[in-house]
Amino acid sequence: RFVPERMVPFSFPLSKCALWDPVPMGDVIGAHITYYRNPRVSLMEKTLRLAYRHAKQNEKKLFSCFLLGTLAVDEDGEGITLTIDRFDPGREV
């Protein structure tokens, strides 16, 4: 699903020399991950239980954390799978 208000332009870091001409050419296009592929999310039960336990023990209603994983293109090339297998509670500072 294409959501233009959520799209954020990306840029490359500045460097002393460029391997290509940085002047924009052509029309602007959206490069959203779900435009051409069917996404699937796989979440490990251990990771979910760890995140749930951390949320229950936290006194604050809102807290920050990280769910880490890998992104892979399916063998048939038609879909992508995001496998979330690690939980990081982050730091308060």
Protein backbone atom coordinates (compact mmCIF):
# COMPACT_ATOMS: atom_id res chain seq x y z
CA ARG A 1 0.00 0.00 0.00
CA PHE A 2 1.46 3.33 -1.05
CA VAL A 3 1.28 5.98 1.69
CA PRO A 4 2.90 9.20 0.38
CA GLU A 5 2.63 11.16 3.64
CA ARG A 6 4.75 8.52 5.41
CA MET A 7 7.40 8.29 2.70
CA VAL A 8 10.73 9.76 3.74
CA PRO A 9 13.34 10.70 1.13
CA PHE A 10 16.71 9.06 1.64
CA SER A 11 20.11 10.50 0.85
CA PHE A 12 23.65 9.29 0.80
CA PRO A 13 26.35 10.76 3.06
CA LEU A 14 28.58 13.46 1.62
CA SER A 15 31.84 12.31 0.09
CA LYS A 16 34.80 13.90 -1.67
CA CYS A 17 34.20 12.08 -4.93
CA ALA A 18 31.08 10.59 -6.49
CA LEU A 19 30.79 7.57 -8.73
CA TRP A 20 27.75 9.01 -10.50
CA ASP A 21 26.22 12.34 -11.46
CA PRO A 22 24.10 13.48 -8.46
CA VAL A 23 21.75 15.64 -10.57
CA PRO A 24 18.18 14.16 -10.46
CA MET A 25 16.92 12.75 -13.77
CA GLY A 26 13.38 11.74 -14.63
CA ASP A 27 10.19 11.64 -12.60
CA VAL A 28 9.99 10.95 -8.88
CA ILE A 29 8.93 7.39 -8.05
CA GLY A 30 7.96 5.71 -4.78
CA ALA A 31 10.20 2.86 -3.63
CA HIS A 32 8.02 1.19 -1.03
CA ILE A 33 8.91 -2.32 0.07
CA THR A 34 5.36 -3.66 -0.41
CA TYR A 35 4.84 -2.14 -3.87
CA TYR A 36 6.23 -5.15 -5.75
CA ARG A 37 6.42 -7.86 -3.07
CA ASN A 38 4.08 -9.59 -0.61
CA PRO A 39 5.40 -9.03 2.94
CA ARG A 40 5.26 -11.65 5.70
CA VAL A 41 6.30 -11.18 9.34
CA SER A 42 7.57 -14.08 11.44
CA LEU A 43 7.98 -13.46 15.18
CA MET A 44 9.72 -15.95 17.46
CA GLU A 45 7.63 -16.91 20.51
CA LYS A 46 10.60 -16.45 22.84
CA THR A 47 11.08 -12.87 21.61
CA LEU A 48 7.40 -12.06 22.06
CA ARG A 49 7.34 -13.48 25.59
CA LEU A 50 10.46 -11.50 26.53
CA ALA A 51 8.95 -8.25 25.21
CA TYR A 52 5.66 -8.95 27.00
CA ARG A 53 7.43 -9.64 30.31
CA HIS A 54 9.46 -6.43 29.96
CA ALA A 55 6.29 -4.41 29.24
CA LYS A 56 4.52 -5.87 32.29
CA GLN A 57 7.48 -5.08 34.59
CA ASN A 58 7.88 -1.52 33.33
CA GLU A 59 6.11 1.09 35.49
CA LYS A 60 5.74 3.58 32.63
CA LYS A 61 2.81 3.35 30.26
CA LEU A 62 5.05 4.22 27.30
CA PHE A 63 8.54 2.83 26.86
CA SER A 64 11.01 2.30 24.03
CA CYS A 65 12.47 -1.00 22.88
CA PHE A 66 13.90 -2.63 19.76
CA LEU A 67 12.80 -5.74 17.92
CA LEU A 68 15.67 -7.01 15.76
CA GLY A 69 15.63 -9.48 12.94
CA THR A 70 16.44 -10.26 9.34
CA LEU A 71 14.78 -9.38 6.05
CA ALA A 72 14.96 -11.94 3.23
CA VAL A 73 13.49 -12.30 -0.23
CA ASP A 74 11.54 -15.54 -0.66
CA GLU A 75 12.91 -18.24 -2.97
CA ASP A 76 10.28 -17.58 -5.61
CA GLY A 77 11.14 -13.86 -5.61
CA GLU A 78 7.51 -12.88 -5.08
CA GLY A 79 7.57 -12.07 -1.37
CA ILE A 80 9.72 -10.92 1.50
CA THR A 81 9.91 -12.30 5.02
CA LEU A 82 10.83 -10.27 8.09
CA THR A 83 11.94 -12.68 10.82
CA ILE A 84 12.03 -10.99 14.24
CA ASP A 85 14.15 -13.06 16.59
CA ARG A 86 15.69 -10.71 19.14
CA PHE A 87 14.41 -8.23 21.73
CA ASP A 88 16.46 -5.33 23.05
CA PRO A 89 14.87 -3.24 25.84
CA GLY A 90 17.19 -0.32 25.04
CA ARG A 91 18.48 2.17 27.56
CA GLU A 92 16.69 4.78 29.58
CA VAL A 93 19.45 7.37 29.01
